[in-house]
N, C-alpha and C. Protein backbone atom coordinates (compact mmCIF):
# COMPACT_ATOMS: atom_id res chain seq x y z
N MET A 1 0.53 -1.47 -0.41
CA MET A 1 -0.15 -0.25 0.14
C MET A 1 0.77 1.14 -0.07
N SER A 2 0.61 2.21 -0.99
CA SER A 2 1.47 3.52 -0.96
C SER A 2 0.78 4.82 -0.52
N THR A 3 1.44 5.40 0.60
CA THR A 3 0.76 6.43 0.76
C THR A 3 1.39 8.18 -0.06
N LYS A 4 0.13 8.96 -0.83
CA LYS A 4 0.73 9.68 -1.17
C LYS A 4 1.37 10.29 0.01
N THR A 5 2.66 11.64 -0.51
CA THR A 5 3.36 12.10 0.66
C THR A 5 3.32 13.68 -0.13
N ASP A 6 2.80 14.06 -1.29
CA ASP A 6 3.56 15.33 -1.84
C ASP A 6 1.63 16.10 -1.67
N LYS A 7 1.23 16.92 -1.15
CA LYS A 7 0.30 17.93 -1.31
C LYS A 7 -0.06 18.39 -3.07
N GLU A 8 -1.14 17.82 -2.79
CA GLU A 8 -1.51 18.51 -4.36
C GLU A 8 -2.27 19.90 -4.30
N ALA A 9 -1.78 20.72 -4.93
CA ALA A 9 -2.78 22.32 -5.16
C ALA A 9 -4.03 22.12 -5.63
N GLU A 10 -4.90 23.17 -5.11
CA GLU A 10 -6.20 23.21 -4.79
C GLU A 10 -6.27 23.79 -6.54
N PRO A 11 -7.10 23.55 -7.55
CA PRO A 11 -7.27 24.00 -8.67
C PRO A 11 -7.26 26.00 -8.61
N GLY A 12 -6.11 26.71 -9.70
CA GLY A 12 -5.38 27.51 -9.00
C GLY A 12 -5.09 27.90 -8.33
N LYS A 13 -4.66 27.51 -7.37
CA LYS A 13 -3.81 28.05 -6.43
C LYS A 13 -2.34 26.96 -6.51
N PRO A 14 -1.56 28.39 -6.02
CA PRO A 14 0.05 27.40 -6.14
C PRO A 14 0.13 26.36 -5.33
N ASP A 15 0.89 25.57 -6.43
CA ASP A 15 1.04 24.32 -6.16
C ASP A 15 3.13 24.18 -5.39
N THR A 16 3.56 24.07 -4.55
CA THR A 16 4.43 24.74 -3.39
C THR A 16 5.15 23.42 -3.75
N SER A 17 4.28 21.89 -4.03
CA SER A 17 4.97 21.06 -3.52
C SER A 17 6.20 20.56 -4.61
N LYS A 18 6.07 21.33 -5.69
CA LYS A 18 7.14 21.04 -7.00
C LYS A 18 8.27 22.44 -7.24
N ASN A 19 7.64 23.03 -6.50
CA ASN A 19 8.35 24.20 -6.49
C ASN A 19 9.48 24.15 -5.86
N THR A 20 10.75 24.31 -6.58
CA THR A 20 12.31 24.05 -5.79
C THR A 20 13.18 25.54 -5.78
N LYS A 21 12.05 26.47 -6.74
CA LYS A 21 13.37 27.58 -6.55
C LYS A 21 12.85 28.28 -5.23
N SER A 22 13.02 29.42 -5.56
CA SER A 22 13.51 30.46 -4.09
C SER A 22 12.11 31.52 -4.02
N GLY A 23 11.52 31.54 -5.28
CA GLY A 23 10.54 32.33 -5.19
C GLY A 23 9.37 31.94 -6.67
N PRO A 24 8.57 32.83 -6.74
CA PRO A 24 7.90 32.79 -8.14
C PRO A 24 8.55 33.26 -9.48
N ASP A 25 8.13 32.86 -10.36
CA ASP A 25 8.45 33.27 -11.71
C ASP A 25 8.16 34.81 -11.73
N ILE A 26 9.28 35.18 -11.91
CA ILE A 26 8.77 36.68 -12.62
C ILE A 26 8.74 37.48 -13.65
N LEU A 27 8.10 37.75 -14.60
CA LEU A 27 8.16 38.70 -15.94
C LEU A 27 7.97 39.68 -15.77
N PHE A 28 8.98 41.02 -16.48
CA PHE A 28 8.27 42.33 -16.77
C PHE A 28 8.13 42.20 -18.32
N TYR A 29 6.95 42.97 -18.35
CA TYR A 29 6.32 43.21 -20.01
C TYR A 29 6.35 45.06 -20.19
N HIS A 30 7.34 45.05 -21.04
CA HIS A 30 8.28 46.41 -21.29
C HIS A 30 6.70 47.27 -22.83
N LEU A 31 5.79 47.66 -22.27
CA LEU A 31 4.84 47.78 -23.09
C LEU A 31 5.33 49.24 -23.99
N GLU A 32 5.76 49.09 -25.37
CA GLU A 32 6.00 50.24 -26.09
C GLU A 32 5.01 50.46 -27.55
N ARG A 33 4.47 49.37 -28.23
CA ARG A 33 3.73 49.02 -28.90
C ARG A 33 2.60 48.79 -29.09
N ALA A 34 2.05 48.13 -28.06
CA ALA A 34 0.76 47.59 -27.45
C ALA A 34 0.52 48.62 -26.09
N LYS A 35 -0.76 48.55 -25.94
CA LYS A 35 -1.32 49.14 -24.33
C LYS A 35 -2.31 48.19 -24.15
N LEU A 36 -2.00 48.54 -22.62
CA LEU A 36 -2.05 47.60 -21.45
C LEU A 36 -3.57 46.27 -22.04
N LEU A 37 -4.61 46.93 -22.33
CA LEU A 37 -5.55 46.43 -22.87
C LEU A 37 -5.64 45.16 -24.09
N ASP A 38 -4.31 45.86 -24.92
CA ASP A 38 -4.20 44.95 -26.26
C ASP A 38 -3.62 43.68 -25.43
N ILE A 39 -2.59 43.54 -24.33
CA ILE A 39 -1.62 42.55 -23.74
C ILE A 39 -2.30 41.50 -22.36
N LEU A 40 -2.95 42.60 -21.56
CA LEU A 40 -3.66 41.68 -20.53
C LEU A 40 -4.55 40.67 -20.98
N PRO A 41 -5.47 41.34 -21.07
CA PRO A 41 -6.87 40.46 -21.49
C PRO A 41 -6.11 39.08 -22.26
N ASN A 42 -4.85 38.90 -23.18
CA ASN A 42 -4.23 37.49 -23.58
C ASN A 42 -3.63 36.80 -22.20
N LEU A 43 -2.93 37.89 -21.69
CA LEU A 43 -1.88 36.77 -20.54
C LEU A 43 -3.08 36.35 -19.35
N LEU A 44 -4.01 36.83 -19.34
CA LEU A 44 -5.11 36.22 -18.04
C LEU A 44 -6.02 35.52 -18.29
N GLU A 45 -6.19 35.29 -19.98
CA GLU A 45 -6.59 33.93 -20.59
C GLU A 45 -5.88 32.56 -20.55
N LYS A 46 -4.38 33.13 -20.86
CA LYS A 46 -3.39 31.84 -20.33
C LYS A 46 -3.52 31.36 -19.38
N SER A 47 -3.55 32.42 -18.54
CA SER A 47 -3.90 32.22 -16.52
C SER A 47 -4.69 31.06 -16.53
N LEU A 48 -5.95 31.78 -17.16
CA LEU A 48 -7.46 30.62 -16.04
C LEU A 48 -6.99 29.46 -17.14
N GLU A 49 -6.45 29.21 -18.66
CA GLU A 49 -6.12 28.05 -19.30
C GLU A 49 -5.26 27.26 -18.34
N ARG A 50 -4.71 27.74 -17.60
CA ARG A 50 -3.41 26.61 -16.71
C ARG A 50 -4.44 26.38 -15.93
N GLY A 51 -5.70 27.02 -15.23
CA GLY A 51 -6.19 26.66 -14.24
C GLY A 51 -5.65 27.47 -12.82
N TRP A 52 -5.14 28.62 -13.05
CA TRP A 52 -4.95 29.53 -12.51
C TRP A 52 -5.82 30.53 -12.11
N GLN A 53 -6.39 31.05 -10.89
CA GLN A 53 -6.92 32.09 -10.36
C GLN A 53 -5.53 33.43 -10.19
N ALA A 54 -6.18 34.33 -10.92
CA ALA A 54 -5.38 35.69 -11.03
C ALA A 54 -5.98 37.14 -10.29
N VAL A 55 -4.75 37.89 -9.89
CA VAL A 55 -4.82 38.91 -9.37
C VAL A 55 -4.66 40.16 -10.12
N VAL A 56 -5.14 41.12 -10.23
CA VAL A 56 -4.15 42.39 -10.84
C VAL A 56 -5.04 43.38 -9.97
N GLN A 57 -3.74 43.62 -9.78
CA GLN A 57 -3.58 44.90 -8.70
C GLN A 57 -3.00 45.78 -9.81
N ALA A 58 -4.29 47.16 -9.42
CA ALA A 58 -4.01 48.60 -10.43
C ALA A 58 -3.64 49.57 -9.14
N SER A 59 -3.06 50.73 -9.79
CA SER A 59 -2.39 51.66 -8.86
C SER A 59 -3.81 52.29 -7.79
N SER A 60 -4.81 51.92 -8.41
CA SER A 60 -6.13 53.34 -8.16
C SER A 60 -7.22 52.55 -8.09
N ASP A 61 -8.27 53.35 -7.02
CA ASP A 61 -9.79 52.53 -7.21
C ASP A 61 -10.10 53.17 -8.70
N LYS A 62 -9.52 53.98 -9.34
CA LYS A 62 -10.18 54.25 -10.67
C LYS A 62 -9.70 53.35 -11.40
N GLN A 63 -8.08 53.10 -11.38
CA GLN A 63 -7.97 52.28 -12.84
C GLN A 63 -8.64 50.83 -12.58
N VAL A 64 -9.05 50.71 -11.55
CA VAL A 64 -9.91 49.00 -11.40
C VAL A 64 -10.84 49.34 -12.10
N GLY A 65 -11.90 50.20 -11.76
CA GLY A 65 -13.24 50.63 -12.29
C GLY A 65 -12.96 50.59 -13.58
N GLU A 66 -11.73 51.01 -14.60
CA GLU A 66 -11.81 51.17 -16.07
C GLU A 66 -11.24 49.70 -16.63
N LEU A 67 -10.34 48.81 -15.72
CA LEU A 67 -10.57 47.92 -16.14
C LEU A 67 -11.40 46.84 -16.16
N ASN A 68 -12.23 46.70 -14.45
CA ASN A 68 -14.04 46.41 -14.60
C ASN A 68 -14.65 46.29 -15.98
N GLY A 69 -14.60 47.51 -16.11
CA GLY A 69 -15.49 47.85 -17.37
C GLY A 69 -14.96 47.24 -18.74
N ALA A 70 -13.50 47.65 -18.57
CA ALA A 70 -12.96 47.25 -19.85
C ALA A 70 -12.42 45.55 -20.50
N LEU A 71 -12.85 44.68 -19.09
CA LEU A 71 -12.54 43.87 -19.34
C LEU A 71 -13.84 42.82 -19.70
N TRP A 72 -15.08 43.45 -19.23
CA TRP A 72 -16.37 42.82 -20.48
C TRP A 72 -16.32 43.19 -21.84
N THR A 73 -15.59 43.92 -22.46
CA THR A 73 -16.04 43.73 -24.26
C THR A 73 -14.54 44.39 -24.31
N THR A 74 -13.49 43.21 -24.25
CA THR A 74 -12.40 43.67 -25.17
C THR A 74 -12.35 42.42 -25.56
N ASN A 75 -12.72 41.46 -25.91
CA ASN A 75 -13.04 40.29 -27.05
C ASN A 75 -14.42 39.81 -26.56
N GLU A 76 -14.97 39.65 -28.29
CA GLU A 76 -16.06 39.30 -28.45
C GLU A 76 -16.66 37.91 -28.19
N ASP A 77 -15.30 37.57 -28.69
CA ASP A 77 -15.57 35.86 -29.03
C ASP A 77 -15.46 34.94 -27.64
N SER A 78 -14.87 36.01 -26.69
CA SER A 78 -14.69 35.05 -25.14
C SER A 78 -15.27 35.73 -24.01
N PHE A 79 -14.98 35.37 -23.08
CA PHE A 79 -15.76 35.59 -21.62
C PHE A 79 -14.38 35.54 -20.82
N LEU A 80 -13.88 36.88 -19.90
CA LEU A 80 -13.21 36.62 -19.10
C LEU A 80 -13.83 37.19 -17.58
N PRO A 81 -13.90 36.11 -16.82
CA PRO A 81 -15.11 36.08 -15.46
C PRO A 81 -13.95 36.83 -14.80
N HIS A 82 -14.51 37.91 -14.33
CA HIS A 82 -13.67 38.74 -12.93
C HIS A 82 -14.81 39.47 -12.56
N GLY A 83 -13.83 40.28 -11.37
CA GLY A 83 -14.74 41.05 -10.54
C GLY A 83 -13.90 42.04 -9.49
N ALA A 84 -14.31 42.77 -9.15
CA ALA A 84 -13.53 43.86 -8.02
C ALA A 84 -14.46 43.40 -6.21
N ALA A 85 -13.83 43.91 -6.16
CA ALA A 85 -14.43 44.19 -4.32
C ALA A 85 -15.49 44.82 -4.56
N GLU A 86 -16.27 45.43 -4.97
CA GLU A 86 -17.77 45.87 -4.88
C GLU A 86 -18.84 45.08 -5.69
N ASP A 87 -18.10 44.18 -6.91
CA ASP A 87 -18.70 42.94 -7.16
C ASP A 87 -19.24 42.01 -6.42
N GLY A 88 -18.58 41.87 -5.20
CA GLY A 88 -18.99 40.60 -4.34
C GLY A 88 -18.03 39.59 -4.14
N PHE A 89 -18.37 38.50 -3.61
CA PHE A 89 -17.80 37.39 -3.70
C PHE A 89 -16.11 37.56 -4.02
N PRO A 90 -15.30 37.97 -3.70
CA PRO A 90 -13.94 38.55 -3.99
C PRO A 90 -13.13 36.71 -4.15
N ASP A 91 -13.38 36.02 -2.49
CA ASP A 91 -12.93 34.58 -3.03
C ASP A 91 -13.19 34.04 -4.26
N GLN A 92 -14.28 33.91 -4.86
CA GLN A 92 -15.19 33.11 -5.65
C GLN A 92 -14.43 34.13 -7.33
N GLN A 93 -13.79 34.88 -7.33
CA GLN A 93 -13.67 35.68 -8.69
C GLN A 93 -12.66 34.88 -9.52
N PRO A 94 -12.36 34.19 -10.41
CA PRO A 94 -11.22 34.00 -11.29
C PRO A 94 -10.13 34.64 -11.76
N ILE A 95 -10.98 35.75 -11.70
CA ILE A 95 -9.92 37.52 -11.71
C ILE A 95 -10.10 38.39 -10.89
N TYR A 96 -9.41 38.08 -10.18
CA TYR A 96 -9.71 39.38 -9.37
C TYR A 96 -8.97 40.85 -9.12
N LEU A 97 -9.78 42.24 -9.67
CA LEU A 97 -9.07 43.34 -9.43
C LEU A 97 -9.12 44.27 -8.25
N THR A 98 -7.78 44.81 -8.24
CA THR A 98 -7.95 45.68 -7.02
C THR A 98 -6.76 46.09 -7.09
N PRO A 99 -7.16 47.47 -5.84
CA PRO A 99 -5.64 48.65 -5.59
C PRO A 99 -4.47 48.15 -4.77
N THR A 100 -5.34 47.02 -3.88
CA THR A 100 -4.42 46.90 -2.71
C THR A 100 -3.82 45.32 -2.81
N SER A 101 -3.10 45.02 -1.79
CA SER A 101 -2.42 43.25 -1.99
C SER A 101 -3.15 42.54 -1.23
N ASP A 102 -4.54 42.66 -1.05
CA ASP A 102 -5.25 41.19 -1.17
C ASP A 102 -5.20 40.30 -2.10
N ASN A 103 -5.13 39.00 -1.56
CA ASN A 103 -5.30 37.86 -2.69
C ASN A 103 -6.52 37.12 -1.60
N PRO A 104 -7.35 37.42 -1.84
CA PRO A 104 -8.83 36.59 -0.97
C PRO A 104 -9.00 35.49 -2.20
N SER A 105 -8.83 35.14 -2.92
CA SER A 105 -9.16 33.43 -3.94
C SER A 105 -7.77 32.79 -3.57
N SER A 106 -6.51 33.23 -3.10
CA SER A 106 -5.36 32.68 -3.05
C SER A 106 -4.56 32.24 -4.17
N ALA A 107 -4.66 33.29 -4.78
CA ALA A 107 -4.57 33.38 -6.70
C ALA A 107 -3.14 32.82 -6.90
N ALA A 108 -2.65 32.35 -8.01
CA ALA A 108 -1.59 31.66 -8.48
C ALA A 108 -0.54 32.77 -8.74
N ILE A 109 -1.32 33.74 -9.95
CA ILE A 109 -0.53 34.53 -10.24
C ILE A 109 -1.07 36.15 -9.81
N ARG A 110 0.04 36.69 -10.03
CA ARG A 110 -0.42 38.68 -9.72
C ARG A 110 0.15 39.57 -10.69
N PHE A 111 -0.52 39.98 -11.04
CA PHE A 111 -0.32 41.03 -12.68
C PHE A 111 -0.48 42.51 -11.71
N PHE A 112 0.90 42.85 -12.21
CA PHE A 112 1.24 44.54 -11.26
C PHE A 112 0.65 45.47 -12.36
N VAL A 113 -0.37 46.63 -13.03
CA VAL A 113 -0.51 46.95 -13.99
C VAL A 113 -0.29 48.35 -13.20
N GLY A 114 -0.31 49.41 -14.08
CA GLY A 114 -0.52 50.77 -14.21
C GLY A 114 0.43 51.82 -12.72
N GLY A 115 1.31 50.83 -12.52
CA GLY A 115 2.50 51.67 -11.69
C GLY A 115 2.18 50.65 -10.10
N ALA A 116 0.89 49.74 -9.75
CA ALA A 116 1.12 49.33 -9.04
C ALA A 116 2.17 48.79 -8.37
N GLN A 117 2.33 48.58 -7.03
CA GLN A 117 3.93 48.32 -6.63
C GLN A 117 3.62 47.15 -5.41
N PRO A 118 4.37 46.24 -5.52
CA PRO A 118 3.92 45.01 -4.55
C PRO A 118 4.49 45.10 -3.28
N ASP A 119 3.89 44.63 -2.21
CA ASP A 119 4.56 44.50 -1.05
C ASP A 119 4.74 43.52 -0.44
N ASP A 120 4.54 42.18 -1.20
CA ASP A 120 4.84 40.68 -1.26
C ASP A 120 4.27 40.14 -2.31
N ILE A 121 5.47 39.65 -2.01
CA ILE A 121 5.26 38.55 -3.86
C ILE A 121 5.38 36.90 -2.97
N LYS A 122 5.20 36.61 -1.83
CA LYS A 122 5.51 34.96 -1.70
C LYS A 122 3.89 34.31 -1.88
N GLY A 123 4.47 33.19 -2.05
CA GLY A 123 3.27 32.26 -2.37
C GLY A 123 2.76 32.12 -3.99
N TYR A 124 3.24 33.13 -4.50
CA TYR A 124 2.81 33.19 -5.99
C TYR A 124 3.51 32.11 -6.89
N GLU A 125 2.90 31.56 -8.15
CA GLU A 125 3.59 30.89 -8.95
C GLU A 125 4.30 31.95 -9.96
N ARG A 126 3.64 32.86 -10.61
CA ARG A 126 4.04 33.63 -10.98
C ARG A 126 4.15 35.32 -10.56
N ILE A 127 4.61 36.58 -11.21
CA ILE A 127 4.41 37.53 -11.03
C ILE A 127 4.87 38.25 -12.46
N VAL A 128 3.87 39.25 -12.33
CA VAL A 128 3.73 39.77 -14.40
C VAL A 128 3.76 41.26 -13.53
N TYR A 129 4.94 42.34 -14.08
CA TYR A 129 5.14 43.73 -14.47
C TYR A 129 4.78 43.62 -15.49
N LEU A 130 3.54 44.68 -16.11
CA LEU A 130 3.20 45.13 -17.18
C LEU A 130 3.41 46.63 -17.10
N PHE A 131 4.54 47.34 -17.65
CA PHE A 131 4.60 48.51 -17.52
C PHE A 131 4.55 49.39 -18.99
N ASP A 132 4.00 50.70 -19.04
CA ASP A 132 4.51 51.56 -20.36
C ASP A 132 5.76 52.01 -20.88
N GLY A 133 6.38 51.16 -21.83
CA GLY A 133 7.73 52.32 -22.17
C GLY A 133 7.73 53.31 -22.43
N ASN A 134 6.41 53.78 -22.66
CA ASN A 134 6.73 55.33 -23.15
C ASN A 134 6.60 56.80 -22.30
N ASP A 135 6.24 55.61 -20.59
CA ASP A 135 6.24 56.21 -19.37
C ASP A 135 7.74 56.31 -18.56
N GLY A 136 7.91 57.57 -18.57
CA GLY A 136 9.41 57.54 -18.13
C GLY A 136 9.11 57.52 -16.64
N GLU A 137 8.07 57.76 -15.64
CA GLU A 137 8.28 57.11 -14.42
C GLU A 137 8.25 55.13 -14.20
N ALA A 138 7.02 55.17 -15.20
CA ALA A 138 6.66 53.78 -15.11
C ALA A 138 8.08 52.89 -15.71
N VAL A 139 8.75 52.99 -16.64
CA VAL A 139 10.00 52.96 -16.33
C VAL A 139 10.89 52.54 -15.21
N THR A 140 10.93 53.88 -14.22
CA THR A 140 12.25 54.15 -13.67
C THR A 140 11.57 53.29 -12.35
N ASN A 141 10.16 52.62 -12.38
CA ASN A 141 9.73 52.10 -11.40
C ASN A 141 9.71 50.75 -11.73
N ALA A 142 9.42 50.63 -13.11
CA ALA A 142 10.24 48.80 -13.39
C ALA A 142 11.57 48.75 -12.91
N ARG A 143 12.30 49.31 -13.36
CA ARG A 143 13.80 49.55 -12.57
C ARG A 143 14.26 49.66 -11.64
N LYS A 144 13.42 50.33 -10.80
CA LYS A 144 13.45 49.72 -9.16
C LYS A 144 12.76 48.22 -8.53
N GLN A 145 11.91 47.93 -9.20
CA GLN A 145 11.45 46.86 -8.87
C GLN A 145 12.55 45.94 -9.26
N TRP A 146 12.95 45.65 -10.10
CA TRP A 146 14.01 44.99 -10.86
C TRP A 146 15.54 44.85 -10.01
N LYS A 147 15.65 45.57 -9.50
CA LYS A 147 16.24 45.82 -8.87
C LYS A 147 16.10 45.15 -7.35
N ARG A 148 15.23 45.97 -7.23
CA ARG A 148 14.97 45.03 -5.61
C ARG A 148 14.71 43.74 -5.34
N LEU A 149 14.30 43.01 -6.82
CA LEU A 149 13.77 41.45 -6.36
C LEU A 149 15.56 41.15 -7.02
N ALA A 150 16.60 41.26 -7.28
CA ALA A 150 17.70 41.14 -7.59
C ALA A 150 18.10 41.23 -6.54
N GLY A 151 18.16 42.07 -5.29
CA GLY A 151 18.70 42.16 -4.12
C GLY A 151 18.01 41.65 -3.47
N GLU A 152 17.00 40.81 -3.83
CA GLU A 152 16.20 39.78 -2.50
C GLU A 152 16.78 38.20 -3.40
N GLY A 153 17.76 38.16 -4.40
CA GLY A 153 18.76 36.92 -5.00
C GLY A 153 17.20 36.63 -5.60
N LEU A 154 16.22 37.26 -6.42
CA LEU A 154 15.11 36.30 -6.96
C LEU A 154 15.71 36.80 -8.35
N GLU A 155 15.38 36.04 -9.13
CA GLU A 155 15.38 35.90 -10.99
C GLU A 155 14.02 36.48 -11.37
N ALA A 156 14.42 37.60 -12.38
CA ALA A 156 13.42 38.13 -13.49
C ALA A 156 14.01 37.95 -15.08
N THR A 157 12.55 37.56 -16.09
CA THR A 157 13.07 38.23 -17.65
C THR A 157 11.86 38.97 -17.66
N TYR A 158 12.78 39.80 -18.84
CA TYR A 158 12.29 41.09 -19.52
C TYR A 158 11.59 40.93 -20.71
N TRP A 159 10.95 41.07 -21.21
CA TRP A 159 10.19 40.65 -22.14
C TRP A 159 10.39 42.18 -23.05
N LYS A 160 10.29 42.64 -24.27
CA LYS A 160 10.05 43.76 -24.90
C LYS A 160 9.67 43.35 -26.26
N GLN A 161 8.65 44.07 -26.46
CA GLN A 161 7.74 43.79 -28.07
C GLN A 161 9.12 44.25 -29.37
N ASN A 162 9.16 43.55 -30.13
CA ASN A 162 10.18 44.23 -31.18
C ASN A 162 9.34 44.48 -32.45
N GLU A 163 9.60 45.20 -33.73
CA GLU A 163 8.85 45.76 -34.60
C GLU A 163 7.77 45.67 -35.16
N ARG A 164 7.90 43.92 -35.42
CA ARG A 164 6.46 42.95 -35.61
C ARG A 164 5.78 42.62 -34.34
N GLY A 165 6.11 43.41 -33.73
CA GLY A 165 5.20 43.41 -32.06
C GLY A 165 4.94 41.91 -31.52
N SER A 166 6.05 40.87 -32.05
CA SER A 166 6.52 39.92 -31.03
C SER A 166 7.19 40.12 -29.80
N TRP A 167 7.07 39.06 -29.08
CA TRP A 167 7.62 39.51 -27.55
C TRP A 167 9.17 39.06 -27.66
N GLU A 168 10.35 39.14 -27.54
CA GLU A 168 11.32 38.96 -27.42
C GLU A 168 12.27 38.96 -25.94
N LYS A 169 12.61 38.08 -25.57
CA LYS A 169 13.43 37.51 -24.14
C LYS A 169 14.73 38.82 -24.31
N LYS A 170 14.61 39.82 -23.69
CA LYS A 170 16.19 40.68 -23.55
C LYS A 170 16.69 40.41 -22.45
N ALA A 171 16.34 40.07 -20.96
CA ALA A 171 16.77 39.29 -20.16
C ALA A 171 16.67 38.41 -19.14
């Protein structure tokens, strides 16, 4: 008789039993040719396809409201189930939008948009920073986050769009 000793993660939750690295996968997306709402819905869709719940942390209540409205209409062919605190049931939202560091659904992936800054990134499978490369302050903030993470011994990858709009790994 064999017994299972590895703890299985719940669907949409991080699976820490297989995680041998010191932290989450960290990705920086430098947006120059595309806008946030051109990229974010696709990344959220891919996250849901992996069975992950997601948190999108924006920099303000206003930006959360804008994202909440925009995600309903970004693609006529698909639906991205999402909500914010005012929609109720935050622990049941597959994609939760917030201006704070809360994670009511124990999501596996967290997106930082609009200059939102992380308090803590522990417990996630993946962290994604999306920043506007045409905004000097956003670029400066992304560089600060990169340096902070490197100072904590964490590794990150940096992605930038080429002239054709394809993503290239730069670091």
